[in-house]
């Protein structure tokens, strides 16, 4: 499951991850925003191409990357400061607050602490990975978030129901439940190939057994007899009465 593609996630998995991220974002927004903004969250295939990102990780190797273009940081800073618009450079106090808020959001998503990653965009291939991406709208601000595959898989393992344990069966019971084919052998005869080819309807082949004695009951594919048997009819079906081996 480590490389399970996003497109193969079922609706249940996507809904579970979306709900988990939304809960973390809603709690974080309540701590950081001066007024609780309207929140909307959408999940979509992960894509880290041609974007500027802030990456935050934990000691377990999980991370979240958050979009950090000038426009996105400015919009977030404006929402956090309660102003309609912020026109400033990325070194301003307001944008520094926005960066701190994003780190706090990453910590909330990672379930503890989050340290900045050395690289702005962690290395991973969106195609065929288990990364989960979300677009979050908070009033006028929009956040784009991408998780590491490790975070996604841990979240699913912890929240999806565990599969039912395999039902183990004792060896005797397992063997005893297997179907076998039994055959009653009337006898054996050796024929030359010329005699076999010359057989016609009505010819009689003399066997090495007597009809008044029990025949051999054998497993399919084996010659060694298990016990003796007498052939007859019971309730309209052919039947074999088992007896001791000859």
C-alpha atoms as a PDB file:
ATOM      1  CA  UNK A   1       0.000   0.000   0.000  1.00  0.00           C
ATOM      2  CA  UNK A   2       2.958   2.321   0.244  1.00  0.00           C
ATOM      3  CA  UNK A   3       2.669   3.272  -3.419  1.00  0.00           C
ATOM      4  CA  UNK A   4      -1.107   3.144  -3.743  1.00  0.00           C
ATOM      5  CA  UNK A   5      -2.081   5.853  -6.280  1.00  0.00           C
ATOM      6  CA  UNK A   6      -4.445   8.635  -5.234  1.00  0.00           C
ATOM      7  CA  UNK A   7      -6.764   7.778  -8.095  1.00  0.00           C
ATOM      8  CA  UNK A   8      -7.276   4.316  -6.617  1.00  0.00           C
ATOM      9  CA  UNK A   9      -8.329   5.608  -3.198  1.00  0.00           C
ATOM     10  CA  UNK A  10     -11.937   4.705  -2.651  1.00  0.00           C
ATOM     11  CA  UNK A  11     -14.561   7.284  -1.764  1.00  0.00           C
ATOM     12  CA  UNK A  12     -14.455   6.102   1.849  1.00  0.00           C
ATOM     13  CA  UNK A  13     -10.705   6.723   2.161  1.00  0.00           C
ATOM     14  CA  UNK A  14     -10.938  10.178   0.571  1.00  0.00           C
ATOM     15  CA  UNK A  15     -13.856  11.154   2.806  1.00  0.00           C
ATOM     16  CA  UNK A  16     -11.993   9.955   5.895  1.00  0.00           C
ATOM     17  CA  UNK A  17      -8.838  11.930   5.073  1.00  0.00           C
ATOM     18  CA  UNK A  18     -10.826  15.024   4.099  1.00  0.00           C
ATOM     19  CA  UNK A  19     -12.709  14.945   7.400  1.00  0.00           C
ATOM     20  CA  UNK A  20      -9.468  14.501   9.338  1.00  0.00           C
ATOM     21  CA  UNK A  21      -7.790  17.474   7.622  1.00  0.00           C
ATOM     22  CA  UNK A  22     -10.897  19.629   7.963  1.00  0.00           C
ATOM     23  CA  UNK A  23     -11.058  19.005  11.718  1.00  0.00           C
ATOM     24  CA  UNK A  24      -7.414  20.015  12.151  1.00  0.00           C
ATOM     25  CA  UNK A  25      -7.822  23.149   9.979  1.00  0.00           C
ATOM     26  CA  UNK A  26     -11.021  24.199  11.748  1.00  0.00           C
ATOM     27  CA  UNK A  27      -9.395  23.911  15.178  1.00  0.00           C
ATOM     28  CA  UNK A  28      -6.298  25.788  13.951  1.00  0.00           C
ATOM     29  CA  UNK A  29      -8.376  28.571  12.382  1.00  0.00           C
ATOM     30  CA  UNK A  30     -10.232  29.054  15.649  1.00  0.00           C
ATOM     31  CA  UNK A  31      -6.902  29.780  17.378  1.00  0.00           C
ATOM     32  CA  UNK A  32      -5.400  32.052  14.720  1.00  0.00           C
ATOM     33  CA  UNK A  33      -8.156  34.029  12.996  1.00  0.00           C
ATOM     34  CA  UNK A  34      -9.733  37.042  14.697  1.00  0.00           C
ATOM     35  CA  UNK A  35     -13.155  35.912  13.477  1.00  0.00           C
ATOM     36  CA  UNK A  36     -14.083  32.371  12.530  1.00  0.00           C
ATOM     37  CA  UNK A  37     -13.989  32.366   8.697  1.00  0.00           C
ATOM     38  CA  UNK A  38     -16.179  30.309   6.395  1.00  0.00           C
ATOM     39  CA  UNK A  39     -14.275  27.105   5.619  1.00  0.00           C
ATOM     40  CA  UNK A  40     -14.434  24.983   2.482  1.00  0.00           C
ATOM     41  CA  UNK A  41     -12.117  22.043   1.753  1.00  0.00           C
ATOM     42  CA  UNK A  42     -11.622  20.094  -1.466  1.00  0.00           C
ATOM     43  CA  UNK A  43      -9.330  17.152  -2.103  1.00  0.00           C
ATOM     44  CA  UNK A  44      -7.564  16.660  -5.434  1.00  0.00           C
ATOM     45  CA  UNK A  45      -4.544  14.771  -6.894  1.00  0.00           C
ATOM     46  CA  UNK A  46      -1.271  15.978  -5.400  1.00  0.00           C
ATOM     47  CA  UNK A  47       0.925  18.251  -7.505  1.00  0.00           C
ATOM     48  CA  UNK A  48       4.092  20.000  -6.332  1.00  0.00           C
ATOM     49  CA  UNK A  49       5.202  21.214  -9.732  1.00  0.00           C
ATOM     50  CA  UNK A  50       5.944  24.901 -10.414  1.00  0.00           C
ATOM     51  CA  UNK A  51       4.977  26.114  -6.952  1.00  0.00           C
ATOM     52  CA  UNK A  52       6.730  27.570  -3.950  1.00  0.00           C
ATOM     53  CA  UNK A  53       6.230  25.503  -0.834  1.00  0.00           C
ATOM     54  CA  UNK A  54       6.982  25.539   2.871  1.00  0.00           C
ATOM     55  CA  UNK A  55       7.668  22.038   4.120  1.00  0.00           C
ATOM     56  CA  UNK A  56       7.334  20.929   7.748  1.00  0.00           C
ATOM     57  CA  UNK A  57       8.115  17.463   9.058  1.00  0.00           C
ATOM     58  CA  UNK A  58       8.243  15.387  12.230  1.00  0.00           C
ATOM     59  CA  UNK A  59      10.824  12.888  13.555  1.00  0.00           C
ATOM     60  CA  UNK A  60       8.803   9.995  12.097  1.00  0.00           C
ATOM     61  CA  UNK A  61       9.611  11.181   8.558  1.00  0.00           C
ATOM     62  CA  UNK A  62       6.099  12.458   7.827  1.00  0.00           C
ATOM     63  CA  UNK A  63       5.607  15.934   6.391  1.00  0.00           C
ATOM     64  CA  UNK A  64       3.123  18.439   5.083  1.00  0.00           C
ATOM     65  CA  UNK A  65       3.983  20.956   2.355  1.00  0.00           C
ATOM     66  CA  UNK A  66       2.031  24.223   2.196  1.00  0.00           C
ATOM     67  CA  UNK A  67       1.890  26.638  -0.731  1.00  0.00           C
ATOM     68  CA  UNK A  68       3.848  29.823   0.006  1.00  0.00           C
ATOM     69  CA  UNK A  69       3.775  32.145  -3.003  1.00  0.00           C
ATOM     70  CA  UNK A  70       3.868  35.890  -2.356  1.00  0.00           C
ATOM     71  CA  UNK A  71       0.180  36.273  -3.158  1.00  0.00           C
ATOM     72  CA  UNK A  72      -0.861  33.348  -0.967  1.00  0.00           C
ATOM     73  CA  UNK A  73       1.196  34.515   2.004  1.00  0.00           C
ATOM     74  CA  UNK A  74      -0.114  38.064   1.602  1.00  0.00           C
ATOM     75  CA  UNK A  75      -3.731  36.881   1.502  1.00  0.00           C
ATOM     76  CA  UNK A  76      -3.234  34.710   4.572  1.00  0.00           C
ATOM     77  CA  UNK A  77      -1.485  37.537   6.412  1.00  0.00           C
ATOM     78  CA  UNK A  78      -4.379  39.872   5.604  1.00  0.00           C
ATOM     79  CA  UNK A  79      -6.912  37.379   6.941  1.00  0.00           C
ATOM     80  CA  UNK A  80      -4.890  36.757  10.102  1.00  0.00           C
ATOM     81  CA  UNK A  81      -4.491  40.488  10.742  1.00  0.00           C
ATOM     82  CA  UNK A  82      -8.174  41.143  10.115  1.00  0.00           C
ATOM     83  CA  UNK A  83      -7.531  43.559   7.263  1.00  0.00           C
ATOM     84  CA  UNK A  84      -9.014  43.481   3.816  1.00  0.00           C
ATOM     85  CA  UNK A  85      -5.682  43.670   1.993  1.00  0.00           C
ATOM     86  CA  UNK A  86      -1.972  43.518   2.754  1.00  0.00           C
ATOM     87  CA  UNK A  87       0.541  44.974   0.314  1.00  0.00           C
ATOM     88  CA  UNK A  88       3.945  44.121   1.709  1.00  0.00           C
ATOM     89  CA  UNK A  89       7.122  42.171   1.106  1.00  0.00           C
ATOM     90  CA  UNK A  90       7.730  38.648   2.364  1.00  0.00           C
ATOM     91  CA  UNK A  91      10.002  39.998   5.109  1.00  0.00           C
ATOM     92  CA  UNK A  92       7.193  41.988   6.743  1.00  0.00           C
ATOM     93  CA  UNK A  93       5.911  41.203  10.216  1.00  0.00           C
ATOM     94  CA  UNK A  94       2.492  40.202   8.855  1.00  0.00           C
ATOM     95  CA  UNK A  95       3.982  37.621   6.491  1.00  0.00           C
ATOM     96  CA  UNK A  96       6.214  36.323   9.292  1.00  0.00           C
ATOM     97  CA  UNK A  97       3.052  35.762  11.297  1.00  0.00           C
ATOM     98  CA  UNK A  98       1.559  33.919   8.319  1.00  0.00           C
ATOM     99  CA  UNK A  99       4.603  31.625   8.182  1.00  0.00           C
ATOM    100  CA  UNK A 100       4.300  30.907  11.892  1.00  0.00           C
ATOM    101  CA  UNK A 101       0.632  30.138  11.439  1.00  0.00           C
ATOM    102  CA  UNK A 102       1.399  27.673   8.629  1.00  0.00           C
ATOM    103  CA  UNK A 103       3.968  25.915  10.807  1.00  0.00           C
ATOM    104  CA  UNK A 104       1.380  25.670  13.563  1.00  0.00           C
ATOM    105  CA  UNK A 105      -1.101  24.208  11.061  1.00  0.00           C
ATOM    106  CA  UNK A 106       1.469  21.619   9.952  1.00  0.00           C
ATOM    107  CA  UNK A 107       2.004  20.672  13.604  1.00  0.00           C
ATOM    108  CA  UNK A 108      -1.740  20.221  14.039  1.00  0.00           C
ATOM    109  CA  UNK A 109      -1.904  17.984  10.971  1.00  0.00           C
ATOM    110  CA  UNK A 110       1.121  15.955  12.067  1.00  0.00           C
ATOM    111  CA  UNK A 111      -0.313  15.489  15.534  1.00  0.00           C
ATOM    112  CA  UNK A 112       2.448  17.176  17.507  1.00  0.00           C
ATOM    113  CA  UNK A 113       5.454  19.225  16.515  1.00  0.00           C
ATOM    114  CA  UNK A 114       6.593  20.290  13.052  1.00  0.00           C
ATOM    115  CA  UNK A 115      10.060  21.485  12.091  1.00  0.00           C
ATOM    116  CA  UNK A 116      10.847  23.322   8.818  1.00  0.00           C
ATOM    117  CA  UNK A 117      12.351  21.053   6.188  1.00  0.00           C
ATOM    118  CA  UNK A 118      15.651  21.970   4.582  1.00  0.00           C
ATOM    119  CA  UNK A 119      14.083  21.872   1.125  1.00  0.00           C
ATOM    120  CA  UNK A 120      11.064  23.984   0.358  1.00  0.00           C
ATOM    121  CA  UNK A 121       9.423  21.159  -1.623  1.00  0.00           C
ATOM    122  CA  UNK A 122      10.017  17.589  -0.392  1.00  0.00           C
ATOM    123  CA  UNK A 123      10.985  15.116  -3.066  1.00  0.00           C
ATOM    124  CA  UNK A 124       8.182  12.813  -4.137  1.00  0.00           C
ATOM    125  CA  UNK A 125       6.449  11.801  -7.319  1.00  0.00           C
ATOM    126  CA  UNK A 126       2.794  12.764  -7.357  1.00  0.00           C
ATOM    127  CA  UNK A 127       2.020  10.053  -9.917  1.00  0.00           C
ATOM    128  CA  UNK A 128       1.563   6.724  -8.179  1.00  0.00           C
ATOM    129  CA  UNK A 129       2.154   8.061  -4.671  1.00  0.00           C
ATOM    130  CA  UNK A 130      -0.172   7.945  -1.692  1.00  0.00           C
ATOM    131  CA  UNK A 131       0.147  11.686  -1.003  1.00  0.00           C
ATOM    132  CA  UNK A 132      -3.066  13.503  -0.153  1.00  0.00           C
ATOM    133  CA  UNK A 133      -3.663  17.091  -1.313  1.00  0.00           C
ATOM    134  CA  UNK A 134      -6.330  19.553  -0.237  1.00  0.00           C
ATOM    135  CA  UNK A 135      -7.399  23.065  -1.206  1.00  0.00           C
ATOM    136  CA  UNK A 136      -8.741  24.973   1.789  1.00  0.00           C
ATOM    137  CA  UNK A 137     -10.677  28.223   1.466  1.00  0.00           C
ATOM    138  CA  UNK A 138     -10.818  30.371   4.603  1.00  0.00           C
ATOM    139  CA  UNK A 139     -12.739  33.507   3.762  1.00  0.00           C
ATOM    140  CA  UNK A 140     -10.552  35.392   1.272  1.00  0.00           C
ATOM    141  CA  UNK A 141      -7.490  33.208   1.882  1.00  0.00           C
ATOM    142  CA  UNK A 142      -6.770  29.939   0.061  1.00  0.00           C
ATOM    143  CA  UNK A 143      -4.381  27.279   1.327  1.00  0.00           C
ATOM    144  CA  UNK A 144      -2.960  24.394  -0.689  1.00  0.00           C
ATOM    145  CA  UNK A 145      -1.709  21.473   1.343  1.00  0.00           C
ATOM    146  CA  UNK A 146       0.060  18.257   0.355  1.00  0.00           C
ATOM    147  CA  UNK A 147       0.870  15.411   2.733  1.00  0.00           C
ATOM    148  CA  UNK A 148       3.633  12.872   2.536  1.00  0.00           C
ATOM    149  CA  UNK A 149       2.593   9.328   1.559  1.00  0.00           C
ATOM    150  CA  UNK A 150       3.757   8.187   5.006  1.00  0.00           C
ATOM    151  CA  UNK A 151       1.275  10.491   6.744  1.00  0.00           C
ATOM    152  CA  UNK A 152      -1.575   9.369   4.505  1.00  0.00           C
ATOM    153  CA  UNK A 153      -0.942   5.681   5.087  1.00  0.00           C
ATOM    154  CA  UNK A 154      -0.575   6.061   8.850  1.00  0.00           C
ATOM    155  CA  UNK A 155      -3.816   8.033   9.036  1.00  0.00           C
ATOM    156  CA  UNK A 156      -5.643   5.330   7.097  1.00  0.00           C
ATOM    157  CA  UNK A 157      -4.149   2.508   9.165  1.00  0.00           C
ATOM    158  CA  UNK A 158      -5.222   4.170  12.409  1.00  0.00           C
ATOM    159  CA  UNK A 159      -8.779   4.928  11.309  1.00  0.00           C
ATOM    160  CA  UNK A 160      -9.855   2.215   8.904  1.00  0.00           C
ATOM    161  CA  UNK A 161     -11.234  -0.939  10.550  1.00  0.00           C
ATOM    162  CA  UNK A 162      -8.701  -3.716  10.882  1.00  0.00           C
ATOM    163  CA  UNK A 163      -9.354  -6.746   8.670  1.00  0.00           C
ATOM    164  CA  UNK A 164     -10.836  -9.745  10.397  1.00  0.00           C
ATOM    165  CA  UNK A 165      -8.160 -12.194  11.554  1.00  0.00           C
ATOM    166  CA  UNK A 166      -7.706 -15.297   9.467  1.00  0.00           C
ATOM    167  CA  UNK A 167      -9.630 -18.296  10.715  1.00  0.00           C
ATOM    168  CA  UNK A 168      -7.076 -20.987  11.511  1.00  0.00           C
ATOM    169  CA  UNK A 169      -8.086 -24.635  11.345  1.00  0.00           C
ATOM    170  CA  UNK A 170      -6.394 -27.609  12.921  1.00  0.00           C
ATOM    171  CA  UNK A 171      -4.479 -29.874  10.587  1.00  0.00           C
ATOM    172  CA  UNK A 172      -6.713 -32.877  11.195  1.00  0.00           C
ATOM    173  CA  UNK A 173      -9.877 -30.829  10.673  1.00  0.00           C
ATOM    174  CA  UNK A 174      -8.470 -29.191   7.536  1.00  0.00           C
ATOM    175  CA  UNK A 175      -7.506 -32.545   6.035  1.00  0.00           C
ATOM    176  CA  UNK A 176     -10.752 -34.130   7.159  1.00  0.00           C
ATOM    177  CA  UNK A 177     -12.795 -31.515   5.272  1.00  0.00           C
ATOM    178  CA  UNK A 178     -11.074 -32.160   1.932  1.00  0.00           C
ATOM    179  CA  UNK A 179     -13.087 -33.997  -0.694  1.00  0.00           C
ATOM    180  CA  UNK A 180     -11.561 -37.214  -2.049  1.00  0.00           C
ATOM    181  CA  UNK A 181     -12.626 -39.587  -4.801  1.00  0.00           C
ATOM    182  CA  UNK A 182     -12.916 -43.266  -3.987  1.00  0.00           C
ATOM    183  CA  UNK A 183     -12.975 -46.068  -6.532  1.00  0.00           C
ATOM    184  CA  UNK A 184     -13.984 -49.696  -6.168  1.00  0.00           C
ATOM    185  CA  UNK A 185     -11.672 -51.851  -8.280  1.00  0.00           C
ATOM    186  CA  UNK A 186     -13.212 -55.112  -9.465  1.00  0.00           C
ATOM    187  CA  UNK A 187      -9.831 -56.498 -10.442  1.00  0.00           C
ATOM    188  CA  UNK A 188      -6.849 -56.195 -12.724  1.00  0.00           C
ATOM    189  CA  UNK A 189      -5.942 -57.864 -15.987  1.00  0.00           C
ATOM    190  CA  UNK A 190      -2.894 -57.706 -18.239  1.00  0.00           C
ATOM    191  CA  UNK A 191      -3.475 -57.658 -21.974  1.00  0.00           C
ATOM    192  CA  UNK A 192      -1.085 -57.499 -24.872  1.00  0.00           C
ATOM    193  CA  UNK A 193      -1.578 -54.503 -27.166  1.00  0.00           C
ATOM    194  CA  UNK A 194      -2.729 -56.808 -29.972  1.00  0.00           C
ATOM    195  CA  UNK A 195      -5.343 -58.397 -27.689  1.00  0.00           C
ATOM    196  CA  UNK A 196      -6.568 -54.960 -26.558  1.00  0.00           C
ATOM    197  CA  UNK A 197      -6.970 -53.759 -30.140  1.00  0.00           C
ATOM    198  CA  UNK A 198      -8.843 -56.937 -31.058  1.00  0.00           C
ATOM    199  CA  UNK A 199     -11.497 -56.646 -28.341  1.00  0.00           C
ATOM    200  CA  UNK A 200     -15.108 -56.576 -29.543  1.00  0.00           C
ATOM    201  CA  UNK A 201     -18.491 -56.100 -27.907  1.00  0.00           C
ATOM    202  CA  UNK A 202     -19.415 -59.168 -25.915  1.00  0.00           C
ATOM    203  CA  UNK A 203     -15.847 -60.351 -25.246  1.00  0.00           C
ATOM    204  CA  UNK A 204     -15.098 -61.388 -21.658  1.00  0.00           C
ATOM    205  CA  UNK A 205     -11.917 -60.402 -19.817  1.00  0.00           C
ATOM    206  CA  UNK A 206     -10.916 -62.732 -16.982  1.00  0.00           C
ATOM    207  CA  UNK A 207      -9.866 -60.796 -13.859  1.00  0.00           C
ATOM    208  CA  UNK A 208      -7.504 -61.888 -11.095  1.00  0.00           C
ATOM    209  CA  UNK A 209     -10.238 -61.622  -8.425  1.00  0.00           C
ATOM    210  CA  UNK A 210     -13.350 -63.587  -7.529  1.00  0.00           C
ATOM    211  CA  UNK A 211     -16.737 -61.914  -7.542  1.00  0.00           C
ATOM    212  CA  UNK A 212     -17.714 -63.546  -4.252  1.00  0.00           C
ATOM    213  CA  UNK A 213     -14.884 -61.781  -2.417  1.00  0.00           C
ATOM    214  CA  UNK A 214     -14.594 -58.080  -1.397  1.00  0.00           C
ATOM    215  CA  UNK A 215     -13.179 -55.814  -4.058  1.00  0.00           C
ATOM    216  CA  UNK A 216     -10.504 -53.189  -3.411  1.00  0.00           C
ATOM    217  CA  UNK A 217     -11.416 -49.623  -2.397  1.00  0.00           C
ATOM    218  CA  UNK A 218      -8.669 -47.200  -3.456  1.00  0.00           C
ATOM    219  CA  UNK A 219      -8.110 -43.431  -3.495  1.00  0.00           C
ATOM    220  CA  UNK A 220      -8.130 -41.831  -6.916  1.00  0.00           C
ATOM    221  CA  UNK A 221      -4.655 -42.051  -8.402  1.00  0.00           C
ATOM    222  CA  UNK A 222      -3.394 -44.696  -5.959  1.00  0.00           C
ATOM    223  CA  UNK A 223      -3.165 -48.461  -6.295  1.00  0.00           C
ATOM    224  CA  UNK A 224      -2.779 -49.466  -2.641  1.00  0.00           C
ATOM    225  CA  UNK A 225      -6.199 -50.569  -1.293  1.00  0.00           C
ATOM    226  CA  UNK A 226      -7.675 -48.814   1.744  1.00  0.00           C
ATOM    227  CA  UNK A 227     -10.150 -51.564   2.520  1.00  0.00           C
ATOM    228  CA  UNK A 228     -12.472 -54.032   0.874  1.00  0.00           C
ATOM    229  CA  UNK A 229     -15.841 -53.198  -0.672  1.00  0.00           C
ATOM    230  CA  UNK A 230     -18.838 -54.959  -2.152  1.00  0.00           C
ATOM    231  CA  UNK A 231     -20.731 -53.217  -4.953  1.00  0.00           C
ATOM    232  CA  UNK A 232     -24.503 -52.978  -4.799  1.00  0.00           C
ATOM    233  CA  UNK A 233     -27.499 -50.620  -5.000  1.00  0.00           C
ATOM    234  CA  UNK A 234     -29.066 -48.512  -2.216  1.00  0.00           C
ATOM    235  CA  UNK A 235     -32.078 -46.223  -2.644  1.00  0.00           C
ATOM    236  CA  UNK A 236     -31.724 -46.458  -6.386  1.00  0.00           C
ATOM    237  CA  UNK A 237     -28.052 -45.407  -6.416  1.00  0.00           C
ATOM    238  CA  UNK A 238     -24.932 -47.463  -6.902  1.00  0.00           C
ATOM    239  CA  UNK A 239     -23.290 -48.057  -3.537  1.00  0.00           C
ATOM    240  CA  UNK A 240     -20.322 -49.768  -1.988  1.00  0.00           C
ATOM    241  CA  UNK A 241     -20.446 -51.663   1.309  1.00  0.00           C
ATOM    242  CA  UNK A 242     -17.100 -51.247   3.021  1.00  0.00           C
ATOM    243  CA  UNK A 243     -15.449 -54.192   4.700  1.00  0.00           C
ATOM    244  CA  UNK A 244     -12.037 -55.207   5.948  1.00  0.00           C
ATOM    245  CA  UNK A 245      -9.234 -55.363   3.416  1.00  0.00           C
ATOM    246  CA  UNK A 246      -8.526 -58.687   1.812  1.00  0.00           C
END
